[in-house]
Amino acid sequence: MNKLLKLEETAQLLLAVFLFYQLDYAWWIFPACILLPDVSMIGYLINTKTGAFTYNFFHHKFVAIGVLILGYWLNNQMVIFSGLILFGHASMDRIFGYGLKYTDNFKNTHLGWIGKNND
């Protein structure tokens, strides 16, 4: 099942890349911005509850799809691009096993514990 989920996330990342190439941006903009949603980890400087909230907000696919739909509705390429970055980044994270965070520990995600020591 794990391989099937990673394949699904890979397809979603490729969809984000495909939709990006429909926009009028240079090719290098997507890879240059794909890690920007990780700035949301700054919430962990306050505490794990705030960190989990900010991280999950910017890594939730429903938020990404909402931003994407808003961009198409407004016919605004920058908003569309933002939605695609959020969506593509969330898919990329899940390919590598990084899921939405629980409030007790950064390594505790909806996909399981991150790291070698899964105790």
N, C-alpha and C. Protein backbone atom coordinates (compact mmCIF):
# COMPACT_ATOMS: atom_id res chain seq x y z
N MET A 1 0.82 -1.19 0.00
CA MET A 1 0.00 0.00 0.00
C MET A 1 0.86 1.26 0.00
N ASN A 2 2.00 1.22 0.71
CA ASN A 2 2.88 2.38 0.77
C ASN A 2 3.36 2.80 -0.62
N LYS A 3 3.70 1.82 -1.46
CA LYS A 3 4.15 2.13 -2.82
C LYS A 3 3.03 2.74 -3.64
N LEU A 4 1.81 2.26 -3.44
CA LEU A 4 0.66 2.80 -4.15
C LEU A 4 0.40 4.25 -3.76
N LEU A 5 0.52 4.55 -2.47
CA LEU A 5 0.33 5.93 -2.00
C LEU A 5 1.42 6.85 -2.55
N LYS A 6 2.65 6.38 -2.59
CA LYS A 6 3.74 7.19 -3.15
C LYS A 6 3.54 7.42 -4.64
N LEU A 7 3.03 6.41 -5.34
CA LEU A 7 2.73 6.56 -6.77
C LEU A 7 1.63 7.61 -6.98
N GLU A 8 0.62 7.59 -6.12
CA GLU A 8 -0.46 8.57 -6.21
C GLU A 8 0.07 9.99 -5.96
N GLU A 9 0.92 10.14 -4.96
CA GLU A 9 1.50 11.45 -4.66
C GLU A 9 2.41 11.92 -5.79
N THR A 10 3.14 10.99 -6.40
CA THR A 10 3.99 11.33 -7.54
C THR A 10 3.14 11.83 -8.70
N ALA A 11 2.02 11.18 -8.95
CA ALA A 11 1.12 11.62 -10.01
C ALA A 11 0.58 13.02 -9.71
N GLN A 12 0.29 13.31 -8.46
CA GLN A 12 -0.21 14.64 -8.10
C GLN A 12 0.88 15.70 -8.26
N LEU A 13 2.11 15.36 -7.91
CA LEU A 13 3.22 16.29 -8.12
C LEU A 13 3.40 16.56 -9.61
N LEU A 14 3.33 15.52 -10.42
CA LEU A 14 3.46 15.69 -11.87
C LEU A 14 2.30 16.52 -12.43
N LEU A 15 1.11 16.38 -11.86
CA LEU A 15 -0.02 17.21 -12.27
C LEU A 15 0.27 18.68 -11.98
N ALA A 16 0.81 18.96 -10.81
CA ALA A 16 1.16 20.33 -10.47
C ALA A 16 2.19 20.90 -11.44
N VAL A 17 3.19 20.09 -11.80
CA VAL A 17 4.21 20.53 -12.76
C VAL A 17 3.56 20.77 -14.12
N PHE A 18 2.70 19.87 -14.55
CA PHE A 18 2.01 20.03 -15.83
C PHE A 18 1.18 21.31 -15.86
N LEU A 19 0.41 21.55 -14.82
CA LEU A 19 -0.41 22.76 -14.76
C LEU A 19 0.45 24.01 -14.70
N PHE A 20 1.60 23.92 -14.02
CA PHE A 20 2.51 25.06 -13.98
C PHE A 20 2.97 25.43 -15.38
N TYR A 21 3.29 24.44 -16.20
CA TYR A 21 3.79 24.71 -17.53
C TYR A 21 2.73 25.31 -18.44
N GLN A 22 1.48 25.34 -18.00
CA GLN A 22 0.42 26.02 -18.74
C GLN A 22 0.44 27.53 -18.45
N LEU A 23 1.16 27.91 -17.41
CA LEU A 23 1.26 29.33 -17.04
C LEU A 23 2.40 29.98 -17.80
N ASP A 24 2.44 31.29 -17.75
CA ASP A 24 3.45 32.05 -18.49
C ASP A 24 4.61 32.43 -17.56
N TYR A 25 5.33 31.42 -17.06
CA TYR A 25 6.48 31.64 -16.20
C TYR A 25 7.67 30.86 -16.75
N ALA A 26 8.87 31.32 -16.43
CA ALA A 26 10.09 30.60 -16.81
C ALA A 26 10.10 29.24 -16.09
N TRP A 27 10.68 28.24 -16.70
CA TRP A 27 10.67 26.87 -16.17
C TRP A 27 11.29 26.78 -14.79
N TRP A 28 12.30 27.59 -14.50
CA TRP A 28 13.06 27.47 -13.26
C TRP A 28 12.31 28.04 -12.05
N ILE A 29 11.23 28.74 -12.27
CA ILE A 29 10.48 29.33 -11.16
C ILE A 29 9.88 28.24 -10.26
N PHE A 30 9.35 27.19 -10.86
CA PHE A 30 8.74 26.11 -10.07
C PHE A 30 9.75 25.45 -9.14
N PRO A 31 10.88 24.94 -9.64
CA PRO A 31 11.84 24.33 -8.71
C PRO A 31 12.43 25.33 -7.72
N ALA A 32 12.52 26.60 -8.11
CA ALA A 32 13.06 27.60 -7.20
C ALA A 32 12.13 27.87 -6.03
N CYS A 33 10.83 27.66 -6.24
CA CYS A 33 9.83 27.99 -5.21
C CYS A 33 9.23 26.78 -4.50
N ILE A 34 9.56 25.59 -4.93
CA ILE A 34 8.88 24.39 -4.42
C ILE A 34 9.08 24.19 -2.91
N LEU A 35 10.13 24.68 -2.34
CA LEU A 35 10.37 24.51 -0.91
C LEU A 35 9.84 25.66 -0.06
N LEU A 36 9.29 26.69 -0.66
CA LEU A 36 8.81 27.85 0.09
C LEU A 36 7.77 27.52 1.17
N PRO A 37 6.86 26.57 0.95
CA PRO A 37 5.90 26.27 2.03
C PRO A 37 6.55 25.81 3.33
N ASP A 38 7.79 25.36 3.28
CA ASP A 38 8.46 24.94 4.50
C ASP A 38 8.81 26.10 5.43
N VAL A 39 8.70 27.32 4.94
CA VAL A 39 8.87 28.49 5.81
C VAL A 39 7.85 28.43 6.94
N SER A 40 6.74 27.74 6.72
CA SER A 40 5.69 27.62 7.74
C SER A 40 6.18 26.91 9.00
N MET A 41 7.32 26.25 8.94
CA MET A 41 7.87 25.60 10.13
C MET A 41 8.33 26.61 11.17
N ILE A 42 8.34 27.87 10.81
CA ILE A 42 8.76 28.91 11.75
C ILE A 42 7.87 28.92 12.99
N GLY A 43 6.65 28.43 12.86
CA GLY A 43 5.75 28.34 14.01
C GLY A 43 6.29 27.47 15.12
N TYR A 44 7.17 26.55 14.79
CA TYR A 44 7.77 25.69 15.82
C TYR A 44 8.71 26.47 16.74
N LEU A 45 9.10 27.67 16.35
CA LEU A 45 9.90 28.51 17.24
C LEU A 45 9.08 28.98 18.44
N ILE A 46 7.75 29.00 18.27
CA ILE A 46 6.87 29.39 19.38
C ILE A 46 6.60 28.18 20.27
N ASN A 47 5.99 27.15 19.69
CA ASN A 47 5.77 25.88 20.39
C ASN A 47 5.26 24.85 19.38
N THR A 48 5.11 23.61 19.81
CA THR A 48 4.71 22.55 18.87
C THR A 48 3.27 22.72 18.40
N LYS A 49 2.40 23.26 19.23
CA LYS A 49 1.00 23.45 18.82
C LYS A 49 0.90 24.49 17.70
N THR A 50 1.57 25.62 17.88
CA THR A 50 1.58 26.67 16.85
C THR A 50 2.29 26.17 15.60
N GLY A 51 3.40 25.48 15.79
CA GLY A 51 4.15 24.94 14.66
C GLY A 51 3.33 23.96 13.85
N ALA A 52 2.63 23.07 14.53
CA ALA A 52 1.79 22.10 13.82
C ALA A 52 0.69 22.81 13.05
N PHE A 53 0.09 23.84 13.66
CA PHE A 53 -0.98 24.57 12.98
C PHE A 53 -0.47 25.25 11.72
N THR A 54 0.64 26.00 11.83
CA THR A 54 1.14 26.73 10.66
C THR A 54 1.65 25.76 9.59
N TYR A 55 2.34 24.71 10.03
CA TYR A 55 2.83 23.72 9.07
C TYR A 55 1.66 23.05 8.35
N ASN A 56 0.67 22.58 9.10
CA ASN A 56 -0.46 21.88 8.50
C ASN A 56 -1.27 22.78 7.58
N PHE A 57 -1.42 24.05 7.94
CA PHE A 57 -2.18 24.96 7.10
C PHE A 57 -1.55 25.07 5.72
N PHE A 58 -0.24 25.24 5.67
CA PHE A 58 0.44 25.41 4.38
C PHE A 58 0.77 24.10 3.68
N HIS A 59 0.49 22.97 4.32
CA HIS A 59 0.74 21.67 3.71
C HIS A 59 -0.54 20.87 3.49
N HIS A 60 -1.68 21.49 3.72
CA HIS A 60 -2.96 20.81 3.55
C HIS A 60 -3.42 20.97 2.10
N LYS A 61 -3.73 19.87 1.47
CA LYS A 61 -4.10 19.92 0.05
C LYS A 61 -5.42 20.64 -0.19
N PHE A 62 -6.32 20.63 0.78
CA PHE A 62 -7.58 21.35 0.61
C PHE A 62 -7.31 22.86 0.51
N VAL A 63 -6.39 23.35 1.31
CA VAL A 63 -6.00 24.77 1.23
C VAL A 63 -5.38 25.05 -0.14
N ALA A 64 -4.50 24.17 -0.58
CA ALA A 64 -3.83 24.34 -1.88
C ALA A 64 -4.86 24.36 -3.01
N ILE A 65 -5.80 23.45 -2.98
CA ILE A 65 -6.82 23.39 -4.03
C ILE A 65 -7.71 24.63 -3.96
N GLY A 66 -8.01 25.09 -2.74
CA GLY A 66 -8.80 26.31 -2.59
C GLY A 66 -8.10 27.52 -3.19
N VAL A 67 -6.81 27.64 -2.94
CA VAL A 67 -6.03 28.74 -3.52
C VAL A 67 -5.99 28.62 -5.04
N LEU A 68 -5.82 27.41 -5.52
CA LEU A 68 -5.79 27.16 -6.97
C LEU A 68 -7.11 27.54 -7.62
N ILE A 69 -8.22 27.12 -7.04
CA ILE A 69 -9.54 27.45 -7.58
C ILE A 69 -9.76 28.97 -7.53
N LEU A 70 -9.38 29.59 -6.43
CA LEU A 70 -9.50 31.05 -6.33
C LEU A 70 -8.70 31.73 -7.44
N GLY A 71 -7.51 31.23 -7.71
CA GLY A 71 -6.68 31.80 -8.78
C GLY A 71 -7.34 31.69 -10.14
N TYR A 72 -7.94 30.54 -10.42
CA TYR A 72 -8.64 30.38 -11.70
C TYR A 72 -9.88 31.28 -11.75
N TRP A 73 -10.58 31.38 -10.63
CA TRP A 73 -11.78 32.21 -10.57
C TRP A 73 -11.44 33.68 -10.79
N LEU A 74 -10.33 34.13 -10.19
CA LEU A 74 -9.90 35.51 -10.34
C LEU A 74 -9.10 35.74 -11.63
N ASN A 75 -8.78 34.65 -12.31
CA ASN A 75 -7.93 34.71 -13.50
C ASN A 75 -6.61 35.39 -13.18
N ASN A 76 -6.00 34.95 -12.07
CA ASN A 76 -4.77 35.55 -11.57
C ASN A 76 -3.68 34.48 -11.55
N GLN A 77 -2.69 34.62 -12.43
CA GLN A 77 -1.65 33.60 -12.55
C GLN A 77 -0.79 33.47 -11.29
N MET A 78 -0.60 34.54 -10.55
CA MET A 78 0.21 34.47 -9.33
C MET A 78 -0.50 33.64 -8.26
N VAL A 79 -1.80 33.79 -8.15
CA VAL A 79 -2.57 32.99 -7.18
C VAL A 79 -2.62 31.53 -7.63
N ILE A 80 -2.80 31.32 -8.93
CA ILE A 80 -2.77 29.95 -9.47
C ILE A 80 -1.41 29.31 -9.15
N PHE A 81 -0.35 30.05 -9.42
CA PHE A 81 0.99 29.56 -9.14
C PHE A 81 1.17 29.21 -7.67
N SER A 82 0.67 30.07 -6.79
CA SER A 82 0.77 29.81 -5.35
C SER A 82 0.06 28.51 -4.99
N GLY A 83 -1.13 28.30 -5.53
CA GLY A 83 -1.86 27.06 -5.28
C GLY A 83 -1.11 25.84 -5.79
N LEU A 84 -0.49 25.97 -6.96
CA LEU A 84 0.27 24.85 -7.53
C LEU A 84 1.51 24.54 -6.70
N ILE A 85 2.17 25.57 -6.19
CA ILE A 85 3.33 25.35 -5.33
C ILE A 85 2.89 24.64 -4.04
N LEU A 86 1.80 25.12 -3.44
CA LEU A 86 1.31 24.47 -2.21
C LEU A 86 0.94 23.01 -2.47
N PHE A 87 0.23 22.77 -3.56
CA PHE A 87 -0.21 21.41 -3.89
C PHE A 87 0.98 20.51 -4.23
N GLY A 88 1.86 21.01 -5.08
CA GLY A 88 3.03 20.22 -5.48
C GLY A 88 3.95 19.93 -4.31
N HIS A 89 4.14 20.92 -3.45
CA HIS A 89 5.00 20.72 -2.28
C HIS A 89 4.41 19.69 -1.33
N ALA A 90 3.11 19.78 -1.07
CA ALA A 90 2.47 18.80 -0.18
C ALA A 90 2.60 17.39 -0.74
N SER A 91 2.45 17.25 -2.05
CA SER A 91 2.61 15.94 -2.67
C SER A 91 4.05 15.46 -2.56
N MET A 92 5.00 16.35 -2.80
CA MET A 92 6.41 15.99 -2.70
C MET A 92 6.76 15.55 -1.28
N ASP A 93 6.29 16.29 -0.30
CA ASP A 93 6.53 15.91 1.10
C ASP A 93 6.01 14.51 1.39
N ARG A 94 4.82 14.22 0.93
CA ARG A 94 4.22 12.91 1.22
C ARG A 94 4.95 11.78 0.50
N ILE A 95 5.54 12.06 -0.65
CA ILE A 95 6.37 11.06 -1.33
C ILE A 95 7.50 10.63 -0.42
N PHE A 96 8.06 11.58 0.32
CA PHE A 96 9.20 11.30 1.20
C PHE A 96 8.78 10.94 2.62
N GLY A 97 7.48 10.80 2.85
CA GLY A 97 7.00 10.34 4.15
C GLY A 97 6.69 11.43 5.17
N TYR A 98 6.71 12.68 4.74
CA TYR A 98 6.40 13.78 5.65
C TYR A 98 4.92 14.10 5.55
N GLY A 99 4.20 13.86 6.62
CA GLY A 99 2.77 14.10 6.62
C GLY A 99 2.40 15.31 7.45
N LEU A 100 1.11 15.50 7.61
CA LEU A 100 0.60 16.57 8.47
C LEU A 100 0.98 16.25 9.90
N LYS A 101 1.28 17.29 10.67
CA LYS A 101 1.86 17.11 12.00
C LYS A 101 0.80 17.07 13.11
N TYR A 102 1.08 16.24 14.10
CA TYR A 102 0.33 16.27 15.36
C TYR A 102 1.00 17.29 16.27
N THR A 103 0.27 17.74 17.27
CA THR A 103 0.77 18.83 18.11
C THR A 103 1.80 18.40 19.15
N ASP A 104 1.98 17.11 19.36
CA ASP A 104 2.90 16.67 20.43
C ASP A 104 4.36 16.66 20.02
N ASN A 105 4.64 16.44 18.71
CA ASN A 105 6.02 16.29 18.28
C ASN A 105 6.09 16.50 16.77
N PHE A 106 7.10 17.21 16.30
CA PHE A 106 7.27 17.47 14.86
C PHE A 106 7.35 16.17 14.07
N LYS A 107 7.94 15.14 14.66
CA LYS A 107 8.13 13.88 13.95
C LYS A 107 6.89 13.00 13.93
N ASN A 108 5.85 13.36 14.65
CA ASN A 108 4.62 12.58 14.69
C ASN A 108 3.66 13.11 13.62
N THR A 109 3.46 12.33 12.55
CA THR A 109 2.64 12.78 11.43
C THR A 109 1.50 11.80 11.16
N HIS A 110 0.59 12.22 10.32
CA HIS A 110 -0.53 11.35 9.96
C HIS A 110 -0.07 10.14 9.13
N LEU A 111 1.15 10.16 8.67
CA LEU A 111 1.72 9.03 7.94
C LEU A 111 2.59 8.16 8.84
N GLY A 112 2.69 8.51 10.10
CA GLY A 112 3.54 7.79 11.04
C GLY A 112 4.69 8.66 11.49
N TRP A 113 5.57 8.07 12.28
CA TRP A 113 6.72 8.80 12.82
C TRP A 113 7.80 8.94 11.77
N ILE A 114 8.43 10.11 11.73
CA ILE A 114 9.53 10.39 10.80
C ILE A 114 10.83 10.00 11.46
N GLY A 115 11.73 9.41 10.69
CA GLY A 115 13.06 9.12 11.20
C GLY A 115 13.30 7.65 11.45
N LYS A 116 14.53 7.35 11.82
CA LYS A 116 14.94 5.96 12.04
C LYS A 116 14.40 5.39 13.33
N ASN A 117 14.35 6.20 14.39
CA ASN A 117 13.80 5.73 15.65
C ASN A 117 12.31 6.05 15.70
N ASN A 118 11.51 5.09 15.40
CA ASN A 118 10.07 5.29 15.37
C ASN A 118 9.41 4.90 16.67
N ASP A 119 10.12 5.05 17.78
CA ASP A 119 9.59 4.68 19.10
C ASP A 119 8.65 5.73 19.63
